């Protein structure tokens, strides 16, 4: 009987902390795996760019006309709707 509160605390921790984190990790992995050339993305560092090249661990982003950078795939946090970069530049 003395283990019942300990077990109850573990169950509550699992459903409130561990399970939602695992779900977020799966969603992020699915987002990163679905990246394609031409996608407009936002990185964890706040950079917005268009994917121009993909490899297993890295992607090449065009952040300005003629300016490309290489970032880790895991740094991508959001895939933006098409045309977002054009709207941000005020074209």
N, C-alpha and C. Protein backbone atom coordinates (compact mmCIF):
# COMPACT_ATOMS: atom_id res chain seq x y z
N UNK A 1 0.81 -1.20 0.00
CA UNK A 1 0.00 0.00 0.00
C UNK A 1 0.86 1.27 0.00
N UNK A 2 2.04 1.18 0.55
CA UNK A 2 2.87 2.39 0.62
C UNK A 2 3.42 2.78 -0.75
N UNK A 3 3.41 1.85 -1.71
CA UNK A 3 3.88 2.16 -3.06
C UNK A 3 2.80 2.79 -3.93
N UNK A 4 1.57 2.73 -3.50
CA UNK A 4 0.45 3.26 -4.30
C UNK A 4 0.61 4.75 -4.63
N UNK A 5 0.94 5.62 -3.68
CA UNK A 5 1.13 7.03 -4.04
C UNK A 5 2.28 7.25 -5.03
N UNK A 6 3.35 6.49 -4.89
CA UNK A 6 4.48 6.60 -5.80
C UNK A 6 4.09 6.19 -7.22
N UNK A 7 3.36 5.12 -7.33
CA UNK A 7 2.88 4.65 -8.64
C UNK A 7 1.91 5.67 -9.24
N UNK A 8 1.04 6.21 -8.43
CA UNK A 8 0.08 7.22 -8.90
C UNK A 8 0.81 8.47 -9.41
N UNK A 9 1.84 8.90 -8.71
CA UNK A 9 2.61 10.07 -9.14
C UNK A 9 3.29 9.79 -10.48
N UNK A 10 3.84 8.59 -10.67
CA UNK A 10 4.48 8.24 -11.93
C UNK A 10 3.47 8.24 -13.07
N UNK A 11 2.30 7.71 -12.85
CA UNK A 11 1.26 7.68 -13.89
C UNK A 11 0.85 9.10 -14.28
N UNK A 12 0.66 9.95 -13.31
CA UNK A 12 0.29 11.34 -13.59
C UNK A 12 1.41 12.04 -14.34
N UNK A 13 2.65 11.85 -13.95
CA UNK A 13 3.79 12.46 -14.65
C UNK A 13 3.86 11.98 -16.10
N UNK A 14 3.60 10.70 -16.32
CA UNK A 14 3.65 10.16 -17.68
C UNK A 14 2.63 10.86 -18.57
N UNK A 15 1.40 10.98 -18.11
CA UNK A 15 0.35 11.56 -18.94
C UNK A 15 0.44 13.08 -19.07
N UNK A 16 1.04 13.75 -18.10
CA UNK A 16 1.13 15.21 -18.17
C UNK A 16 2.42 15.72 -18.79
N UNK A 17 3.52 14.97 -18.69
CA UNK A 17 4.81 15.46 -19.17
C UNK A 17 5.42 14.60 -20.28
N UNK A 18 5.55 13.32 -20.06
CA UNK A 18 6.30 12.47 -20.98
C UNK A 18 5.53 12.23 -22.27
N UNK A 19 4.28 11.88 -22.20
CA UNK A 19 3.49 11.57 -23.39
C UNK A 19 3.37 12.75 -24.35
N UNK A 20 3.04 13.97 -23.89
CA UNK A 20 2.97 15.10 -24.82
C UNK A 20 4.31 15.41 -25.48
N UNK A 21 5.42 15.23 -24.77
CA UNK A 21 6.74 15.48 -25.35
C UNK A 21 7.04 14.48 -26.46
N UNK A 22 6.71 13.24 -26.26
CA UNK A 22 6.92 12.22 -27.29
C UNK A 22 6.08 12.54 -28.52
N UNK A 23 4.86 13.00 -28.31
CA UNK A 23 3.98 13.36 -29.43
C UNK A 23 4.58 14.52 -30.22
N UNK A 24 5.10 15.55 -29.54
CA UNK A 24 5.73 16.69 -30.23
C UNK A 24 6.95 16.25 -31.01
N UNK A 25 7.75 15.34 -30.46
CA UNK A 25 8.93 14.85 -31.15
C UNK A 25 8.55 14.10 -32.43
N UNK A 26 7.51 13.30 -32.37
CA UNK A 26 7.05 12.57 -33.56
C UNK A 26 6.56 13.53 -34.63
N UNK A 27 5.81 14.57 -34.24
CA UNK A 27 5.31 15.55 -35.20
C UNK A 27 6.47 16.30 -35.86
N UNK A 28 7.50 16.68 -35.08
CA UNK A 28 8.64 17.40 -35.63
C UNK A 28 9.43 16.51 -36.59
N UNK A 29 9.59 15.25 -36.25
CA UNK A 29 10.30 14.32 -37.13
C UNK A 29 9.55 14.16 -38.44
N UNK A 30 8.23 14.07 -38.37
CA UNK A 30 7.43 13.95 -39.59
C UNK A 30 7.57 15.21 -40.45
N UNK A 31 7.57 16.39 -39.83
CA UNK A 31 7.74 17.65 -40.54
C UNK A 31 9.10 17.71 -41.23
N UNK A 32 10.15 17.33 -40.53
CA UNK A 32 11.51 17.38 -41.08
C UNK A 32 11.67 16.36 -42.21
N UNK A 33 11.09 15.18 -42.06
CA UNK A 33 11.19 14.16 -43.10
C UNK A 33 10.42 14.54 -44.36
N UNK A 34 9.39 15.37 -44.22
CA UNK A 34 8.56 15.74 -45.36
C UNK A 34 9.07 16.97 -46.11
N UNK A 35 10.21 17.53 -45.70
CA UNK A 35 10.74 18.71 -46.38
C UNK A 35 11.04 18.39 -47.84
N UNK A 36 10.77 19.36 -48.70
CA UNK A 36 11.03 19.17 -50.13
C UNK A 36 11.63 20.45 -50.70
N UNK A 37 12.25 20.33 -51.84
CA UNK A 37 12.84 21.47 -52.52
C UNK A 37 11.74 22.48 -52.82
N UNK A 38 12.01 23.75 -52.55
CA UNK A 38 11.03 24.80 -52.80
C UNK A 38 10.18 25.17 -51.61
N UNK A 39 10.21 24.38 -50.54
CA UNK A 39 9.45 24.71 -49.33
C UNK A 39 10.04 25.97 -48.69
N UNK A 40 9.17 26.79 -48.16
CA UNK A 40 9.60 27.97 -47.41
C UNK A 40 9.50 27.62 -45.93
N UNK A 41 10.62 27.82 -45.21
CA UNK A 41 10.69 27.35 -43.83
C UNK A 41 11.18 28.44 -42.89
N UNK A 42 10.89 28.23 -41.62
CA UNK A 42 11.38 29.07 -40.53
C UNK A 42 12.26 28.19 -39.66
N UNK A 43 13.48 28.66 -39.34
CA UNK A 43 14.38 27.87 -38.50
C UNK A 43 14.25 28.28 -37.04
N UNK A 44 14.84 27.49 -36.17
CA UNK A 44 14.80 27.80 -34.74
C UNK A 44 15.56 29.07 -34.42
N UNK A 45 16.48 29.49 -35.29
CA UNK A 45 17.22 30.73 -35.10
C UNK A 45 16.49 31.95 -35.63
N UNK A 46 15.32 31.76 -36.24
CA UNK A 46 14.52 32.87 -36.73
C UNK A 46 14.76 33.21 -38.18
N UNK A 47 15.54 32.41 -38.89
CA UNK A 47 15.79 32.66 -40.30
C UNK A 47 14.64 32.11 -41.15
N UNK A 48 14.26 32.87 -42.17
CA UNK A 48 13.24 32.44 -43.11
C UNK A 48 13.93 32.24 -44.45
N UNK A 49 13.69 31.10 -45.08
CA UNK A 49 14.33 30.83 -46.36
C UNK A 49 13.61 29.77 -47.15
N UNK A 50 14.07 29.60 -48.39
CA UNK A 50 13.51 28.60 -49.30
C UNK A 50 14.52 27.46 -49.44
N UNK A 51 14.04 26.24 -49.33
CA UNK A 51 14.90 25.06 -49.44
C UNK A 51 15.33 24.91 -50.90
N UNK A 52 16.66 24.87 -51.13
CA UNK A 52 17.17 24.70 -52.49
C UNK A 52 17.90 23.37 -52.65
N UNK A 53 18.32 22.76 -51.55
CA UNK A 53 19.02 21.48 -51.63
C UNK A 53 18.82 20.72 -50.34
N UNK A 54 18.70 19.40 -50.46
CA UNK A 54 18.47 18.54 -49.30
C UNK A 54 19.53 17.45 -49.23
N UNK A 55 19.96 17.12 -48.03
CA UNK A 55 20.78 15.93 -47.80
C UNK A 55 20.22 15.25 -46.56
N UNK A 56 20.89 14.21 -46.10
CA UNK A 56 20.36 13.45 -44.96
C UNK A 56 20.27 14.28 -43.69
N UNK A 57 21.30 15.04 -43.38
CA UNK A 57 21.35 15.77 -42.12
C UNK A 57 21.24 17.29 -42.28
N UNK A 58 21.49 17.81 -43.48
CA UNK A 58 21.53 19.25 -43.68
C UNK A 58 20.64 19.67 -44.85
N UNK A 59 20.23 20.94 -44.82
CA UNK A 59 19.51 21.52 -45.95
C UNK A 59 20.19 22.84 -46.31
N UNK A 60 20.08 23.22 -47.55
CA UNK A 60 20.61 24.50 -48.00
C UNK A 60 19.42 25.42 -48.21
N UNK A 61 19.46 26.58 -47.55
CA UNK A 61 18.38 27.55 -47.63
C UNK A 61 18.85 28.77 -48.41
N UNK A 62 17.98 29.29 -49.26
CA UNK A 62 18.23 30.56 -49.91
C UNK A 62 17.52 31.61 -49.07
N UNK A 63 18.29 32.47 -48.41
CA UNK A 63 17.72 33.47 -47.52
C UNK A 63 17.54 34.82 -48.21
N UNK A 64 18.27 35.03 -49.29
CA UNK A 64 18.14 36.22 -50.13
C UNK A 64 18.56 35.80 -51.52
N UNK A 65 18.25 36.59 -52.49
CA UNK A 65 18.60 36.25 -53.85
C UNK A 65 20.12 36.09 -53.97
N UNK A 66 20.57 34.87 -54.31
CA UNK A 66 21.98 34.60 -54.46
C UNK A 66 22.72 34.30 -53.16
N UNK A 67 22.03 34.31 -52.02
CA UNK A 67 22.65 34.03 -50.72
C UNK A 67 22.07 32.74 -50.14
N UNK A 68 22.94 31.75 -49.96
CA UNK A 68 22.49 30.48 -49.40
C UNK A 68 23.26 30.17 -48.13
N UNK A 69 22.61 29.44 -47.25
CA UNK A 69 23.25 28.99 -46.01
C UNK A 69 22.91 27.51 -45.82
N UNK A 70 23.73 26.83 -45.06
CA UNK A 70 23.50 25.42 -44.75
C UNK A 70 23.11 25.32 -43.28
N UNK A 71 21.99 24.65 -43.01
CA UNK A 71 21.54 24.45 -41.63
C UNK A 71 21.18 22.98 -41.44
N UNK A 72 21.14 22.56 -40.20
CA UNK A 72 20.72 21.19 -39.90
C UNK A 72 19.22 21.06 -40.14
N UNK A 73 18.81 19.91 -40.59
CA UNK A 73 17.38 19.67 -40.82
C UNK A 73 16.58 19.87 -39.54
N UNK A 74 17.14 19.47 -38.41
CA UNK A 74 16.42 19.56 -37.15
C UNK A 74 16.20 21.01 -36.71
N UNK A 75 16.88 21.97 -37.34
CA UNK A 75 16.70 23.37 -36.99
C UNK A 75 15.41 23.95 -37.57
N UNK A 76 14.79 23.26 -38.50
CA UNK A 76 13.55 23.74 -39.09
C UNK A 76 12.42 23.54 -38.09
N UNK A 77 11.70 24.62 -37.80
CA UNK A 77 10.60 24.52 -36.84
C UNK A 77 9.24 24.57 -37.51
N UNK A 78 9.14 25.26 -38.65
CA UNK A 78 7.85 25.43 -39.31
C UNK A 78 8.02 25.47 -40.81
N UNK A 79 7.10 24.85 -41.53
CA UNK A 79 7.02 25.02 -42.97
C UNK A 79 5.97 26.08 -43.22
N UNK A 80 6.36 27.16 -43.88
CA UNK A 80 5.48 28.30 -44.11
C UNK A 80 4.67 28.11 -45.39
N UNK A 81 3.53 28.78 -45.50
CA UNK A 81 2.75 28.71 -46.74
C UNK A 81 3.53 29.33 -47.90
N UNK A 82 3.29 28.81 -49.11
CA UNK A 82 3.97 29.33 -50.30
C UNK A 82 3.67 30.82 -50.45
N UNK A 83 4.68 31.58 -50.81
CA UNK A 83 4.53 33.02 -51.01
C UNK A 83 4.81 33.85 -49.79
N UNK A 84 5.11 33.23 -48.67
CA UNK A 84 5.38 33.99 -47.44
C UNK A 84 6.61 34.86 -47.58
N UNK A 85 7.65 34.33 -48.20
CA UNK A 85 8.89 35.11 -48.34
C UNK A 85 8.63 36.34 -49.22
N UNK A 86 7.90 36.16 -50.29
CA UNK A 86 7.58 37.28 -51.17
C UNK A 86 6.78 38.34 -50.41
N UNK A 87 5.86 37.91 -49.58
CA UNK A 87 5.05 38.85 -48.79
C UNK A 87 5.91 39.59 -47.75
N UNK A 88 6.89 38.88 -47.17
CA UNK A 88 7.76 39.51 -46.18
C UNK A 88 8.68 40.55 -46.80
N UNK A 89 9.09 40.31 -48.04
CA UNK A 89 9.97 41.25 -48.72
C UNK A 89 9.21 42.46 -49.26
N UNK A 90 7.89 42.39 -49.23
CA UNK A 90 7.08 43.52 -49.67
C UNK A 90 6.96 43.65 -51.18
N UNK A 91 7.07 42.54 -51.89
CA UNK A 91 6.99 42.59 -53.36
C UNK A 91 5.56 42.67 -53.83
